[in-house]
Amino acid sequence: MTSLVKRRQFLKTTAAVGAGFWITRPLEAQQGNSPNERTAFAIVGATARGAHNAVSAARAGDIVALCDVDAGRLDQAGNTYPKAKKYADFRKMLEDSAKSIDAVVISRSISGSFRTSRN
């Protein structure tokens, strides 16, 4: 008989605890708008596939830096993201903006991507 009492007591206790979670749930604190909620992206290879990747990244965060060796393409991308800093050399971009970049999207050829990611 004692095993039934223990089981019943267990069920009562777990039911009470579960109900407590449901009742107190609306009392959770509201989350504030932190500047850290958006990811700061740098884009290497700013046109063609890079432009598509930049659009996807812009949905999730902010484009803070653009890098492309072609000045015309870099200007074209800069018109789309006027707040982003523009660079012709990814090493310079990483050196100057390292503290403000959370993620780097590399949109170059296979061999170029390998060299860029290695540095």
N, C-alpha and C. Protein backbone atom coordinates (compact mmCIF):
# COMPACT_ATOMS: atom_id res chain seq x y z
N MET A 1 0.80 -1.20 0.00
CA MET A 1 0.00 0.00 0.00
C MET A 1 0.85 1.26 0.00
N THR A 2 2.01 1.23 0.64
CA THR A 2 2.83 2.43 0.72
C THR A 2 3.34 2.85 -0.66
N SER A 3 3.54 1.91 -1.57
CA SER A 3 4.00 2.29 -2.89
C SER A 3 2.94 3.11 -3.64
N LEU A 4 1.64 2.80 -3.43
CA LEU A 4 0.58 3.59 -4.05
C LEU A 4 0.54 5.01 -3.48
N VAL A 5 0.74 5.12 -2.18
CA VAL A 5 0.73 6.45 -1.56
C VAL A 5 1.92 7.26 -2.09
N LYS A 6 3.06 6.67 -2.18
CA LYS A 6 4.22 7.39 -2.70
C LYS A 6 3.99 7.82 -4.15
N ARG A 7 3.40 6.95 -4.91
CA ARG A 7 3.14 7.28 -6.32
C ARG A 7 2.13 8.43 -6.41
N ARG A 8 1.07 8.36 -5.58
CA ARG A 8 0.06 9.42 -5.59
C ARG A 8 0.67 10.75 -5.14
N GLN A 9 1.49 10.67 -4.12
CA GLN A 9 2.13 11.90 -3.63
C GLN A 9 3.05 12.48 -4.71
N PHE A 10 3.73 11.61 -5.42
CA PHE A 10 4.59 12.06 -6.51
C PHE A 10 3.77 12.76 -7.60
N LEU A 11 2.67 12.16 -8.00
CA LEU A 11 1.82 12.76 -9.03
C LEU A 11 1.24 14.10 -8.58
N LYS A 12 0.83 14.20 -7.32
CA LYS A 12 0.31 15.47 -6.82
C LYS A 12 1.39 16.55 -6.85
N THR A 13 2.58 16.19 -6.43
CA THR A 13 3.67 17.16 -6.37
C THR A 13 4.05 17.62 -7.77
N THR A 14 4.20 16.70 -8.69
CA THR A 14 4.58 17.10 -10.05
C THR A 14 3.48 17.91 -10.72
N ALA A 15 2.23 17.60 -10.45
CA ALA A 15 1.12 18.38 -11.00
C ALA A 15 1.14 19.80 -10.44
N ALA A 16 1.42 19.93 -9.17
CA ALA A 16 1.47 21.27 -8.55
C ALA A 16 2.64 22.08 -9.11
N VAL A 17 3.78 21.45 -9.27
CA VAL A 17 4.94 22.14 -9.82
C VAL A 17 4.67 22.53 -11.27
N GLY A 18 4.12 21.65 -12.04
CA GLY A 18 3.80 21.95 -13.44
C GLY A 18 2.80 23.09 -13.55
N ALA A 19 1.79 23.10 -12.70
CA ALA A 19 0.82 24.20 -12.71
C ALA A 19 1.50 25.50 -12.31
N GLY A 20 2.46 25.43 -11.40
CA GLY A 20 3.20 26.63 -10.99
C GLY A 20 3.96 27.25 -12.16
N PHE A 21 4.54 26.43 -13.00
CA PHE A 21 5.24 26.94 -14.18
C PHE A 21 4.27 27.62 -15.15
N TRP A 22 3.10 27.06 -15.33
CA TRP A 22 2.13 27.65 -16.24
C TRP A 22 1.59 28.97 -15.69
N ILE A 23 1.42 29.04 -14.39
CA ILE A 23 0.87 30.26 -13.78
C ILE A 23 1.89 31.39 -13.78
N THR A 24 3.15 31.10 -13.46
CA THR A 24 4.16 32.16 -13.35
C THR A 24 4.77 32.54 -14.68
N ARG A 25 4.50 31.84 -15.73
CA ARG A 25 5.10 32.14 -17.04
C ARG A 25 4.84 33.57 -17.52
N PRO A 26 3.65 34.14 -17.37
CA PRO A 26 3.44 35.51 -17.84
C PRO A 26 4.26 36.56 -17.08
N LEU A 27 4.87 36.19 -15.98
CA LEU A 27 5.64 37.14 -15.19
C LEU A 27 7.08 37.28 -15.65
N GLU A 28 7.43 36.66 -16.77
CA GLU A 28 8.80 36.75 -17.28
C GLU A 28 9.12 38.19 -17.68
N ALA A 29 10.38 38.58 -17.55
CA ALA A 29 10.81 39.93 -17.91
C ALA A 29 10.78 40.11 -19.42
N GLN A 30 10.44 41.30 -19.86
CA GLN A 30 10.45 41.62 -21.28
C GLN A 30 11.89 41.84 -21.73
N GLN A 31 12.21 41.37 -22.91
CA GLN A 31 13.55 41.58 -23.45
C GLN A 31 13.64 42.96 -24.06
N GLY A 32 14.74 43.65 -23.79
CA GLY A 32 14.96 44.98 -24.35
C GLY A 32 15.58 44.89 -25.74
N ASN A 33 15.66 46.01 -26.40
CA ASN A 33 16.30 46.07 -27.71
C ASN A 33 17.78 46.35 -27.52
N SER A 34 18.58 45.33 -27.60
CA SER A 34 20.02 45.45 -27.44
C SER A 34 20.66 45.67 -28.80
N PRO A 35 21.70 46.51 -28.88
CA PRO A 35 22.39 46.67 -30.16
C PRO A 35 23.09 45.39 -30.61
N ASN A 36 23.26 44.45 -29.70
CA ASN A 36 23.92 43.20 -30.03
C ASN A 36 23.00 42.19 -30.70
N GLU A 37 21.73 42.52 -30.86
CA GLU A 37 20.79 41.58 -31.45
C GLU A 37 21.02 41.40 -32.95
N ARG A 38 21.61 42.38 -33.63
CA ARG A 38 21.86 42.28 -35.07
C ARG A 38 23.32 41.97 -35.31
N THR A 39 23.57 41.06 -36.22
CA THR A 39 24.92 40.65 -36.56
C THR A 39 25.52 41.64 -37.56
N ALA A 40 26.78 42.01 -37.35
CA ALA A 40 27.49 42.91 -38.26
C ALA A 40 28.28 42.06 -39.26
N PHE A 41 27.91 42.15 -40.55
CA PHE A 41 28.52 41.34 -41.59
C PHE A 41 29.50 42.15 -42.43
N ALA A 42 30.57 41.50 -42.86
CA ALA A 42 31.48 42.03 -43.87
C ALA A 42 31.35 41.11 -45.08
N ILE A 43 31.31 41.70 -46.27
CA ILE A 43 31.13 40.93 -47.49
C ILE A 43 32.41 41.03 -48.32
N VAL A 44 33.00 39.89 -48.67
CA VAL A 44 34.18 39.85 -49.53
C VAL A 44 33.72 39.28 -50.87
N GLY A 45 33.88 40.08 -51.93
CA GLY A 45 33.33 39.72 -53.25
C GLY A 45 31.92 40.26 -53.31
N ALA A 46 31.79 41.54 -53.67
CA ALA A 46 30.54 42.26 -53.42
C ALA A 46 29.48 42.16 -54.51
N THR A 47 29.78 41.60 -55.68
CA THR A 47 28.76 41.52 -56.72
C THR A 47 28.56 40.07 -57.15
N ALA A 48 27.64 39.86 -58.09
CA ALA A 48 27.26 38.52 -58.56
C ALA A 48 26.77 37.69 -57.37
N ARG A 49 27.43 36.60 -57.07
CA ARG A 49 27.01 35.75 -55.95
C ARG A 49 27.10 36.51 -54.62
N GLY A 50 28.09 37.39 -54.50
CA GLY A 50 28.26 38.19 -53.29
C GLY A 50 27.08 39.11 -53.04
N ALA A 51 26.50 39.66 -54.12
CA ALA A 51 25.33 40.54 -53.96
C ALA A 51 24.15 39.75 -53.39
N HIS A 52 23.96 38.53 -53.88
CA HIS A 52 22.88 37.67 -53.37
C HIS A 52 23.14 37.32 -51.91
N ASN A 53 24.38 36.98 -51.58
CA ASN A 53 24.73 36.66 -50.20
C ASN A 53 24.56 37.87 -49.29
N ALA A 54 24.87 39.06 -49.81
CA ALA A 54 24.72 40.28 -49.02
C ALA A 54 23.25 40.55 -48.70
N VAL A 55 22.37 40.29 -49.66
CA VAL A 55 20.93 40.48 -49.42
C VAL A 55 20.48 39.54 -48.30
N SER A 56 20.93 38.29 -48.34
CA SER A 56 20.57 37.33 -47.30
C SER A 56 21.14 37.76 -45.94
N ALA A 57 22.38 38.23 -45.94
CA ALA A 57 23.01 38.68 -44.69
C ALA A 57 22.31 39.91 -44.14
N ALA A 58 21.87 40.81 -45.02
CA ALA A 58 21.21 42.05 -44.59
C ALA A 58 19.87 41.75 -43.91
N ARG A 59 19.24 40.63 -44.26
CA ARG A 59 18.01 40.25 -43.58
C ARG A 59 18.27 39.87 -42.13
N ALA A 60 19.44 39.31 -41.87
CA ALA A 60 19.77 38.83 -40.53
C ALA A 60 20.56 39.85 -39.71
N GLY A 61 21.12 40.86 -40.36
CA GLY A 61 21.95 41.81 -39.63
C GLY A 61 22.25 43.03 -40.47
N ASP A 62 23.38 43.65 -40.19
CA ASP A 62 23.80 44.87 -40.87
C ASP A 62 25.07 44.61 -41.67
N ILE A 63 25.14 45.17 -42.88
CA ILE A 63 26.35 45.10 -43.69
C ILE A 63 27.21 46.29 -43.28
N VAL A 64 28.36 46.02 -42.66
CA VAL A 64 29.21 47.10 -42.16
C VAL A 64 30.46 47.30 -43.00
N ALA A 65 30.83 46.32 -43.84
CA ALA A 65 32.02 46.45 -44.68
C ALA A 65 31.84 45.65 -45.97
N LEU A 66 32.35 46.23 -47.05
CA LEU A 66 32.32 45.59 -48.36
C LEU A 66 33.73 45.54 -48.90
N CYS A 67 34.09 44.45 -49.57
CA CYS A 67 35.42 44.32 -50.14
C CYS A 67 35.31 43.70 -51.54
N ASP A 68 35.95 44.37 -52.51
CA ASP A 68 36.02 43.82 -53.86
C ASP A 68 37.22 44.46 -54.55
N VAL A 69 37.96 43.70 -55.34
CA VAL A 69 39.13 44.24 -56.02
C VAL A 69 38.74 45.12 -57.20
N ASP A 70 37.54 44.94 -57.74
CA ASP A 70 37.06 45.74 -58.85
C ASP A 70 36.36 46.99 -58.29
N ALA A 71 36.94 48.17 -58.55
CA ALA A 71 36.41 49.42 -57.99
C ALA A 71 34.99 49.71 -58.48
N GLY A 72 34.69 49.38 -59.71
CA GLY A 72 33.34 49.60 -60.24
C GLY A 72 32.31 48.75 -59.52
N ARG A 73 32.63 47.50 -59.30
CA ARG A 73 31.72 46.61 -58.58
C ARG A 73 31.59 47.02 -57.12
N LEU A 74 32.69 47.48 -56.55
CA LEU A 74 32.66 47.92 -55.16
C LEU A 74 31.76 49.16 -55.01
N ASP A 75 31.84 50.08 -55.95
CA ASP A 75 30.98 51.26 -55.92
C ASP A 75 29.51 50.88 -56.11
N GLN A 76 29.27 49.92 -56.99
CA GLN A 76 27.91 49.44 -57.21
C GLN A 76 27.33 48.86 -55.91
N ALA A 77 28.09 48.05 -55.23
CA ALA A 77 27.63 47.47 -53.96
C ALA A 77 27.52 48.56 -52.90
N GLY A 78 28.43 49.53 -52.93
CA GLY A 78 28.39 50.63 -51.97
C GLY A 78 27.13 51.46 -52.10
N ASN A 79 26.58 51.57 -53.32
CA ASN A 79 25.31 52.29 -53.52
C ASN A 79 24.16 51.56 -52.84
N THR A 80 24.22 50.24 -52.80
CA THR A 80 23.18 49.45 -52.16
C THR A 80 23.28 49.53 -50.65
N TYR A 81 24.50 49.57 -50.13
CA TYR A 81 24.75 49.62 -48.68
C TYR A 81 25.61 50.84 -48.36
N PRO A 82 25.02 52.03 -48.34
CA PRO A 82 25.81 53.26 -48.19
C PRO A 82 26.50 53.40 -46.83
N LYS A 83 26.02 52.73 -45.81
CA LYS A 83 26.64 52.84 -44.48
C LYS A 83 27.89 51.96 -44.35
N ALA A 84 28.07 51.02 -45.28
CA ALA A 84 29.20 50.09 -45.21
C ALA A 84 30.49 50.76 -45.67
N LYS A 85 31.57 50.45 -44.98
CA LYS A 85 32.90 50.93 -45.41
C LYS A 85 33.35 50.07 -46.58
N LYS A 86 34.07 50.68 -47.53
CA LYS A 86 34.50 49.96 -48.74
C LYS A 86 36.00 49.74 -48.71
N TYR A 87 36.41 48.55 -49.13
CA TYR A 87 37.81 48.17 -49.15
C TYR A 87 38.13 47.41 -50.43
N ALA A 88 39.37 47.57 -50.91
CA ALA A 88 39.84 46.81 -52.06
C ALA A 88 40.63 45.58 -51.61
N ASP A 89 41.12 45.58 -50.38
CA ASP A 89 41.93 44.48 -49.86
C ASP A 89 41.29 43.95 -48.57
N PHE A 90 40.96 42.66 -48.55
CA PHE A 90 40.29 42.09 -47.39
C PHE A 90 41.16 42.15 -46.13
N ARG A 91 42.49 42.09 -46.29
CA ARG A 91 43.37 42.17 -45.12
C ARG A 91 43.25 43.53 -44.44
N LYS A 92 43.18 44.58 -45.24
CA LYS A 92 43.00 45.93 -44.72
C LYS A 92 41.63 46.06 -44.03
N MET A 93 40.62 45.45 -44.66
CA MET A 93 39.27 45.48 -44.08
C MET A 93 39.26 44.83 -42.71
N LEU A 94 39.88 43.66 -42.61
CA LEU A 94 39.90 42.95 -41.33
C LEU A 94 40.74 43.69 -40.29
N GLU A 95 41.79 44.32 -40.72
CA GLU A 95 42.64 45.09 -39.81
C GLU A 95 41.89 46.31 -39.27
N ASP A 96 41.22 47.05 -40.14
CA ASP A 96 40.53 48.28 -39.75
C ASP A 96 39.24 48.03 -38.99
N SER A 97 38.49 47.02 -39.38
CA SER A 97 37.13 46.84 -38.87
C SER A 97 36.95 45.59 -38.02
N ALA A 98 38.04 45.03 -37.53
CA ALA A 98 37.94 43.76 -36.80
C ALA A 98 36.99 43.82 -35.61
N LYS A 99 36.98 44.92 -34.89
CA LYS A 99 36.14 45.02 -33.69
C LYS A 99 34.67 45.23 -34.02
N SER A 100 34.36 45.71 -35.21
CA SER A 100 32.97 45.97 -35.56
C SER A 100 32.34 44.87 -36.42
N ILE A 101 33.10 43.84 -36.78
CA ILE A 101 32.61 42.75 -37.63
C ILE A 101 32.35 41.51 -36.78
N ASP A 102 31.15 40.95 -36.93
CA ASP A 102 30.81 39.69 -36.25
C ASP A 102 31.02 38.49 -37.15
N ALA A 103 30.80 38.67 -38.47
CA ALA A 103 30.89 37.55 -39.41
C ALA A 103 31.35 38.06 -40.77
N VAL A 104 32.09 37.22 -41.49
CA VAL A 104 32.56 37.56 -42.83
C VAL A 104 31.97 36.57 -43.82
N VAL A 105 31.34 37.10 -44.87
CA VAL A 105 30.79 36.27 -45.94
C VAL A 105 31.74 36.36 -47.12
N ILE A 106 32.35 35.23 -47.49
CA ILE A 106 33.31 35.20 -48.59
C ILE A 106 32.61 34.66 -49.83
N SER A 107 32.50 35.50 -50.85
CA SER A 107 31.81 35.11 -52.09
C SER A 107 32.77 35.29 -53.25
N ARG A 108 33.76 34.44 -53.31
CA ARG A 108 34.77 34.49 -54.36
C ARG A 108 34.89 33.12 -54.99
N SER A 109 35.80 33.03 -55.95
CA SER A 109 36.05 31.73 -56.58
C SER A 109 36.62 30.77 -55.52
N ILE A 110 36.63 29.50 -55.84
CA ILE A 110 37.10 28.50 -54.90
C ILE A 110 38.53 28.79 -54.45
N SER A 111 39.42 29.05 -55.40
CA SER A 111 40.82 29.30 -55.02
C SER A 111 40.96 30.61 -54.24
N GLY A 112 40.21 31.62 -54.62
CA GLY A 112 40.26 32.90 -53.90
C GLY A 112 39.68 32.79 -52.51
N SER A 113 38.61 32.01 -52.37
CA SER A 113 38.01 31.82 -51.04
C SER A 113 38.95 31.12 -50.11
N PHE A 114 39.68 30.13 -50.64
CA PHE A 114 40.63 29.39 -49.82
C PHE A 114 41.72 30.33 -49.31
N ARG A 115 42.28 31.14 -50.19
CA ARG A 115 43.34 32.06 -49.78
C ARG A 115 42.82 33.07 -48.77
N THR A 116 41.60 33.58 -48.97
CA THR A 116 41.03 34.57 -48.07
C THR A 116 40.76 33.97 -46.69
N SER A 117 40.18 32.78 -46.64
CA SER A 117 39.85 32.16 -45.36
C SER A 117 41.09 31.72 -44.60
N ARG A 118 42.16 31.43 -45.29
CA ARG A 118 43.41 31.02 -44.64
C ARG A 118 44.04 32.18 -43.89
N ASN A 119 43.90 33.38 -44.40
CA ASN A 119 44.49 34.56 -43.74
C ASN A 119 43.60 34.94 -42.63
